[in-house]
PDB file of N, CA and C in Angstrom:
ATOM      1  N   MET A   1      16.741  12.511  14.272  1.00  0.00           N
ATOM      2  CA  MET A   1      16.816  13.126  13.231  1.00  0.00           C
ATOM      3  C   MET A   1      17.387  12.485  11.687  1.00  0.00           C
ATOM      4  N   PRO A   2      16.543  12.487  10.753  1.00  0.00           N
ATOM      5  CA  PRO A   2      17.161  11.998   9.522  1.00  0.00           C
ATOM      6  C   PRO A   2      18.352  12.273   9.095  1.00  0.00           C
ATOM      7  N   ASN A   3      19.148  11.782   8.268  1.00  0.00           N
ATOM      8  CA  ASN A   3      20.443  11.802   7.895  1.00  0.00           C
ATOM      9  C   ASN A   3      20.454  13.029   6.989  1.00  0.00           C
ATOM     10  N   SER A   4      19.345  12.702   6.131  1.00  0.00           N
ATOM     11  CA  SER A   4      19.486  13.707   5.012  1.00  0.00           C
ATOM     12  C   SER A   4      19.139  15.278   5.059  1.00  0.00           C
ATOM     13  N   THR A   5      19.803  16.340   4.590  1.00  0.00           N
ATOM     14  CA  THR A   5      19.468  17.765   4.506  1.00  0.00           C
ATOM     15  C   THR A   5      18.397  18.232   3.660  1.00  0.00           C
ATOM     16  N   LYS A   6      17.757  17.193   2.699  1.00  0.00           N
ATOM     17  CA  LYS A   6      16.991  17.719   1.502  1.00  0.00           C
ATOM     18  C   LYS A   6      15.708  17.145   1.715  1.00  0.00           C
ATOM     19  N   GLY A   7      14.689  17.977   1.215  1.00  0.00           N
ATOM     20  CA  GLY A   7      13.183  17.683   0.907  1.00  0.00           C
ATOM     21  C   GLY A   7      12.611  17.143   2.023  1.00  0.00           C
ATOM     22  N   PHE A   8      11.767  15.916   1.985  1.00  0.00           N
ATOM     23  CA  PHE A   8      10.717  15.424   3.126  1.00  0.00           C
ATOM     24  C   PHE A   8      11.826  14.543   4.023  1.00  0.00           C
ATOM     25  N   ALA A   9      12.915  13.889   3.533  1.00  0.00           N
ATOM     26  CA  ALA A   9      13.744  13.271   4.439  1.00  0.00           C
ATOM     27  C   ALA A   9      14.269  14.165   5.647  1.00  0.00           C
ATOM     28  N   SER A  10      14.316  15.324   5.519  1.00  0.00           N
ATOM     29  CA  SER A  10      14.903  16.101   6.547  1.00  0.00           C
ATOM     30  C   SER A  10      13.743  16.843   7.365  1.00  0.00           C
ATOM     31  N   MET A  11      12.405  16.722   6.970  1.00  0.00           N
ATOM     32  CA  MET A  11      11.300  16.867   7.914  1.00  0.00           C
ATOM     33  C   MET A  11      10.854  15.988   8.925  1.00  0.00           C
ATOM     34  N   SER A  12      10.363  16.495  10.016  1.00  0.00           N
ATOM     35  CA  SER A  12       9.931  15.805  11.247  1.00  0.00           C
ATOM     36  C   SER A  12       8.575  14.810  10.690  1.00  0.00           C
ATOM     37  N   LEU A  13       8.500  13.602  11.472  1.00  0.00           N
ATOM     38  CA  LEU A  13       7.154  13.054  11.140  1.00  0.00           C
ATOM     39  C   LEU A  13       6.033  13.742  11.010  1.00  0.00           C
ATOM     40  N   GLU A  14       5.957  14.471  12.180  1.00  0.00           N
ATOM     41  CA  GLU A  14       4.577  15.302  12.389  1.00  0.00           C
ATOM     42  C   GLU A  14       4.358  16.352  10.884  1.00  0.00           C
ATOM     43  N   LYS A  15       5.520  17.044  10.398  1.00  0.00           N
ATOM     44  CA  LYS A  15       5.348  17.965   9.503  1.00  0.00           C
ATOM     45  C   LYS A  15       5.275  17.267   8.181  1.00  0.00           C
ATOM     46  N   ARG A  16       5.875  15.791   7.977  1.00  0.00           N
ATOM     47  CA  ARG A  16       5.270  15.168   6.595  1.00  0.00           C
ATOM     48  C   ARG A  16       3.820  14.793   6.653  1.00  0.00           C
ATOM     49  N   ARG A  17       3.447  14.168   7.990  1.00  0.00           N
ATOM     50  CA  ARG A  17       2.124  13.965   7.977  1.00  0.00           C
ATOM     51  C   ARG A  17       1.079  15.123   7.662  1.00  0.00           C
ATOM     52  N   ALA A  18       1.453  16.382   8.350  1.00  0.00           N
ATOM     53  CA  ALA A  18       0.501  17.481   7.937  1.00  0.00           C
ATOM     54  C   ALA A  18       0.637  17.874   6.616  1.00  0.00           C
ATOM     55  N   ILE A  19       1.839  17.903   5.833  1.00  0.00           N
ATOM     56  CA  ILE A  19       1.418  18.225   4.593  1.00  0.00           C
ATOM     57  C   ILE A  19       0.958  16.711   3.790  1.00  0.00           C
ATOM     58  N   ALA A  20       0.890  15.721   4.174  1.00  0.00           N
ATOM     59  CA  ALA A  20       0.060  14.625   3.507  1.00  0.00           C
ATOM     60  C   ALA A  20      -0.903  14.799   3.676  1.00  0.00           C
ATOM     61  N   GLY A  21      -1.307  15.185   4.641  1.00  0.00           N
ATOM     62  CA  GLY A  21      -3.220  15.496   4.870  1.00  0.00           C
ATOM     63  C   GLY A  21      -3.587  16.587   4.107  1.00  0.00           C
ATOM     64  N   LEU A  22      -2.756  17.438   3.933  1.00  0.00           N
ATOM     65  CA  LEU A  22      -3.069  18.847   3.055  1.00  0.00           C
ATOM     66  C   LEU A  22      -3.417  18.400   1.675  1.00  0.00           C
ATOM     67  N   GLY A  23      -2.634  17.501   1.178  1.00  0.00           N
ATOM     68  CA  GLY A  23      -3.056  16.819  -0.513  1.00  0.00           C
ATOM     69  C   GLY A  23      -4.032  16.130  -0.457  1.00  0.00           C
ATOM     70  N   GLY A  24      -4.384  15.349   0.698  1.00  0.00           N
ATOM     71  CA  GLY A  24      -5.565  14.549   0.305  1.00  0.00           C
ATOM     72  C   GLY A  24      -6.943  15.272   0.565  1.00  0.00           C
ATOM     73  N   LYS A  25      -6.915  16.209   1.491  1.00  0.00           N
ATOM     74  CA  LYS A  25      -8.059  17.180   1.821  1.00  0.00           C
ATOM     75  C   LYS A  25      -8.311  17.815   0.398  1.00  0.00           C
ATOM     76  N   ALA A  26      -7.340  18.386  -0.238  1.00  0.00           N
ATOM     77  CA  ALA A  26      -7.186  19.095  -1.474  1.00  0.00           C
ATOM     78  C   ALA A  26      -7.632  18.291  -2.738  1.00  0.00           C
ATOM     79  N   ALA A  27      -7.503  17.328  -2.668  1.00  0.00           N
ATOM     80  CA  ALA A  27      -7.940  16.289  -3.930  1.00  0.00           C
ATOM     81  C   ALA A  27      -9.489  15.931  -3.431  1.00  0.00           C
ATOM     82  N   HIS A  28      -9.744  15.805  -2.316  1.00  0.00           N
ATOM     83  CA  HIS A  28     -11.264  15.624  -1.916  1.00  0.00           C
ATOM     84  C   HIS A  28     -12.130  16.920  -2.344  1.00  0.00           C
ATOM     85  N   ALA A  29     -11.471  17.953  -2.206  1.00  0.00           N
ATOM     86  CA  ALA A  29     -11.985  19.478  -2.466  1.00  0.00           C
ATOM     87  C   ALA A  29     -12.539  19.424  -4.170  1.00  0.00           C
ATOM     88  N   GLN A  30     -11.289  19.083  -4.703  1.00  0.00           N
ATOM     89  CA  GLN A  30     -11.412  19.218  -6.001  1.00  0.00           C
ATOM     90  C   GLN A  30     -12.544  18.067  -6.651  1.00  0.00           C
ATOM     91  N   GLY A  31     -12.569  17.099  -5.929  1.00  0.00           N
ATOM     92  CA  GLY A  31     -13.454  16.107  -6.548  1.00  0.00           C
ATOM     93  C   GLY A  31     -12.718  14.957  -7.386  1.00  0.00           C
ATOM     94  N   LYS A  32     -11.380  15.206  -7.180  1.00  0.00           N
ATOM     95  CA  LYS A  32     -10.553  14.077  -7.998  1.00  0.00           C
ATOM     96  C   LYS A  32      -9.704  12.865  -7.096  1.00  0.00           C
ATOM     97  N   ALA A  33     -10.452  12.861  -5.927  1.00  0.00           N
ATOM     98  CA  ALA A  33      -9.747  11.804  -4.895  1.00  0.00           C
ATOM     99  C   ALA A  33     -11.064  10.582  -5.215  1.00  0.00           C
ATOM    100  N   HIS A  34     -10.388   9.417  -5.068  1.00  0.00           N
ATOM    101  CA  HIS A  34     -11.448   8.074  -5.418  1.00  0.00           C
ATOM    102  C   HIS A  34     -12.288   8.043  -4.161  1.00  0.00           C
ATOM    103  N   VAL A  35     -13.415   7.808  -4.187  1.00  0.00           N
ATOM    104  CA  VAL A  35     -14.055   7.329  -3.246  1.00  0.00           C
ATOM    105  C   VAL A  35     -14.959   6.166  -3.450  1.00  0.00           C
ATOM    106  N   TRP A  36     -14.425   4.850  -2.397  1.00  0.00           N
ATOM    107  CA  TRP A  36     -14.828   3.484  -2.632  1.00  0.00           C
ATOM    108  C   TRP A  36     -16.305   3.360  -2.535  1.00  0.00           C
ATOM    109  N   THR A  37     -17.235   2.714  -3.071  1.00  0.00           N
ATOM    110  CA  THR A  37     -18.221   2.376  -2.800  1.00  0.00           C
ATOM    111  C   THR A  37     -18.226   0.866  -2.191  1.00  0.00           C
ATOM    112  N   ARG A  38     -19.281   0.625  -1.533  1.00  0.00           N
ATOM    113  CA  ARG A  38     -19.343  -0.636  -0.722  1.00  0.00           C
ATOM    114  C   ARG A  38     -18.858  -1.816  -1.376  1.00  0.00           C
ATOM    115  N   GLU A  39     -19.507  -1.984  -2.756  1.00  0.00           N
ATOM    116  CA  GLU A  39     -19.056  -2.935  -3.813  1.00  0.00           C
ATOM    117  C   GLU A  39     -17.821  -3.185  -4.058  1.00  0.00           C
ATOM    118  N   GLU A  40     -17.191  -1.866  -4.231  1.00  0.00           N
ATOM    119  CA  GLU A  40     -15.675  -2.023  -4.828  1.00  0.00           C
ATOM    120  C   GLU A  40     -14.800  -2.395  -3.629  1.00  0.00           C
ATOM    121  N   ALA A  41     -15.131  -1.951  -2.457  1.00  0.00           N
ATOM    122  CA  ALA A  41     -14.387  -2.282  -1.053  1.00  0.00           C
ATOM    123  C   ALA A  41     -14.370  -3.870  -0.955  1.00  0.00           C
ATOM    124  N   GLN A  42     -15.648  -4.184  -1.207  1.00  0.00           N
ATOM    125  CA  GLN A  42     -15.767  -5.511  -1.034  1.00  0.00           C
ATOM    126  C   GLN A  42     -14.723  -6.509  -1.846  1.00  0.00           C
ATOM    127  N   ALA A  43     -15.047  -6.003  -2.990  1.00  0.00           N
ATOM    128  CA  ALA A  43     -14.411  -6.840  -4.289  1.00  0.00           C
ATOM    129  C   ALA A  43     -12.672  -6.552  -4.079  1.00  0.00           C
ATOM    130  N   ALA A  44     -12.402  -5.638  -3.580  1.00  0.00           N
ATOM    131  CA  ALA A  44     -10.788  -5.379  -3.463  1.00  0.00           C
ATOM    132  C   ALA A  44     -10.528  -6.391  -2.434  1.00  0.00           C
ATOM    133  N   GLY A  45     -11.196  -6.252  -1.180  1.00  0.00           N
ATOM    134  CA  GLY A  45     -10.590  -7.030  -0.099  1.00  0.00           C
ATOM    135  C   GLY A  45     -10.913  -8.674  -0.334  1.00  0.00           C
ATOM    136  N   ARG A  46     -11.953  -9.072  -0.992  1.00  0.00           N
ATOM    137  CA  ARG A  46     -12.085 -10.259  -1.570  1.00  0.00           C
ATOM    138  C   ARG A  46     -10.598 -10.846  -2.338  1.00  0.00           C
ATOM    139  N   LYS A  47     -10.246 -10.216  -3.152  1.00  0.00           N
ATOM    140  CA  LYS A  47      -8.992 -10.126  -4.311  1.00  0.00           C
ATOM    141  C   LYS A  47      -8.030 -10.272  -3.750  1.00  0.00           C
ATOM    142  N   GLY A  48      -7.917  -9.381  -2.500  1.00  0.00           N
ATOM    143  CA  GLY A  48      -6.557  -9.300  -1.701  1.00  0.00           C
ATOM    144  C   GLY A  48      -6.676 -10.525  -0.875  1.00  0.00           C
ATOM    145  N   GLY A  49      -7.594 -11.115  -0.192  1.00  0.00           N
ATOM    146  CA  GLY A  49      -7.627 -12.395   0.731  1.00  0.00           C
ATOM    147  C   GLY A  49      -7.263 -13.476  -0.373  1.00  0.00           C
ATOM    148  N   LEU A  50      -7.686 -13.356  -1.557  1.00  0.00           N
ATOM    149  CA  LEU A  50      -7.540 -14.856  -2.171  1.00  0.00           C
ATOM    150  C   LEU A  50      -5.976 -14.699  -2.869  1.00  0.00           C
ATOM    151  N   ARG A  51      -5.556 -13.539  -2.909  1.00  0.00           N
ATOM    152  CA  ARG A  51      -4.186 -13.537  -3.373  1.00  0.00           C
ATOM    153  C   ARG A  51      -3.126 -13.766  -2.046  1.00  0.00           C
ATOM    154  N   ARG A  52      -3.613 -13.499  -1.045  1.00  0.00           N
ATOM    155  CA  ARG A  52      -2.824 -13.829   0.078  1.00  0.00           C
ATOM    156  C   ARG A  52      -2.920 -15.102   0.671  1.00  0.00           C
ATOM    157  N   LYS A  53      -3.832 -16.209   0.160  1.00  0.00           N
ATOM    158  CA  LYS A  53      -3.703 -17.641   0.310  1.00  0.00           C
ATOM    159  C   LYS A  53      -2.949 -18.094  -0.476  1.00  0.00           C
ATOM    160  N   GLN A  54      -2.601 -17.793  -1.561  1.00  0.00           N
ATOM    161  CA  GLN A  54      -1.949 -18.484  -2.482  1.00  0.00           C
ATOM    162  C   GLN A  54      -0.418 -18.461  -2.181  1.00  0.00           C
ATOM    163  N   PRO A  55       0.398 -19.652  -2.299  1.00  0.00           N
ATOM    164  CA  PRO A  55       1.821 -19.748  -1.923  1.00  0.00           C
ATOM    165  C   PRO A  55       2.516 -19.096  -2.944  1.00  0.00           C
ATOM    166  N   SER A  56       3.554 -18.352  -2.485  1.00  0.00           N
ATOM    167  CA  SER A  56       4.317 -17.465  -3.208  1.00  0.00           C
ATOM    168  C   SER A  56       5.588 -18.412  -3.862  1.00  0.00           C
ATOM    169  N   ILE A  57       6.014 -19.380  -3.092  1.00  0.00           N
ATOM    170  CA  ILE A  57       7.000 -20.333  -3.138  1.00  0.00           C
ATOM    171  C   ILE A  57       6.394 -21.933  -3.489  1.00  0.00           C
ATOM    172  N   PRO A  58       6.573 -22.624  -4.334  1.00  0.00           N
ATOM    173  CA  PRO A  58       6.138 -23.979  -4.522  1.00  0.00           C
ATOM    174  C   PRO A  58       6.662 -24.822  -3.212  1.00  0.00           C
ATOM    175  N   ASP A  59       5.765 -25.483  -2.501  1.00  0.00           N
ATOM    176  CA  ASP A  59       5.871 -25.974  -1.078  1.00  0.00           C
ATOM    177  C   ASP A  59       6.600 -27.202  -1.570  1.00  0.00           C
ATOM    178  N   LEU A  60       7.586 -27.532  -1.810  1.00  0.00           N
ATOM    179  CA  LEU A  60       8.459 -28.615  -2.168  1.00  0.00           C
ATOM    180  C   LEU A  60       8.864 -29.552  -0.941  1.00  0.00           C
ATOM    181  N   LYS A  61       8.640 -30.776  -0.678  1.00  0.00           N
ATOM    182  CA  LYS A  61       8.817 -31.713   0.150  1.00  0.00           C
ATOM    183  C   LYS A  61      10.543 -32.065  -0.067  1.00  0.00           C
ATOM    184  N   ALA A  62      11.291 -32.349   1.129  1.00  0.00           N
ATOM    185  CA  ALA A  62      12.894 -32.683   0.844  1.00  0.00           C
ATOM    186  C   ALA A  62      12.915 -33.692  -0.223  1.00  0.00           C
ATOM    187  N   GLY A  63      13.827 -33.522  -1.103  1.00  0.00           N
ATOM    188  CA  GLY A  63      14.184 -34.504  -2.148  1.00  0.00           C
ATOM    189  C   GLY A  63      13.514 -34.175  -3.329  1.00  0.00           C
ATOM    190  N   GLN A  64      12.839 -33.596  -3.725  1.00  0.00           N
ATOM    191  CA  GLN A  64      11.989 -33.443  -4.737  1.00  0.00           C
ATOM    192  C   GLN A  64      12.550 -32.397  -5.585  1.00  0.00           C
ATOM    193  N   ARG A  65      12.227 -32.348  -6.802  1.00  0.00           N
ATOM    194  CA  ARG A  65      12.909 -31.230  -7.670  1.00  0.00           C
ATOM    195  C   ARG A  65      11.666 -30.651  -8.233  1.00  0.00           C
ATOM    196  N   SER A  66      11.762 -29.177  -8.511  1.00  0.00           N
ATOM    197  CA  SER A  66      10.585 -28.531  -9.045  1.00  0.00           C
ATOM    198  C   SER A  66      10.421 -28.847 -10.455  1.00  0.00           C
ATOM    199  N   SER A  67      11.558 -29.065 -11.646  1.00  0.00           N
ATOM    200  CA  SER A  67      11.459 -29.553 -12.726  1.00  0.00           C
ATOM    201  C   SER A  67      12.575 -30.428 -12.863  1.00  0.00           C
ATOM    202  N   PRO A  68      12.543 -31.269 -14.096  1.00  0.00           N
ATOM    203  CA  PRO A  68      13.501 -32.065 -14.544  1.00  0.00           C
ATOM    204  C   PRO A  68      14.692 -31.398 -15.229  1.00  0.00           C
TER     205      PRO A  68
END
């Protein structure tokens, strides 16, 4: 059981998922939810894959300094 007694933190996982699912269904019913096209999904996946391959920290060998 969660420590908080207020809001979503006090609800069970099942109840939070049920409420979240209702929000998604309502957005689609109103036509306000974004629906990905095949091309958009491919571009997003490609962009994420390229970003993932970049090192986040410079790979320095022992004894090297990053800047003088």
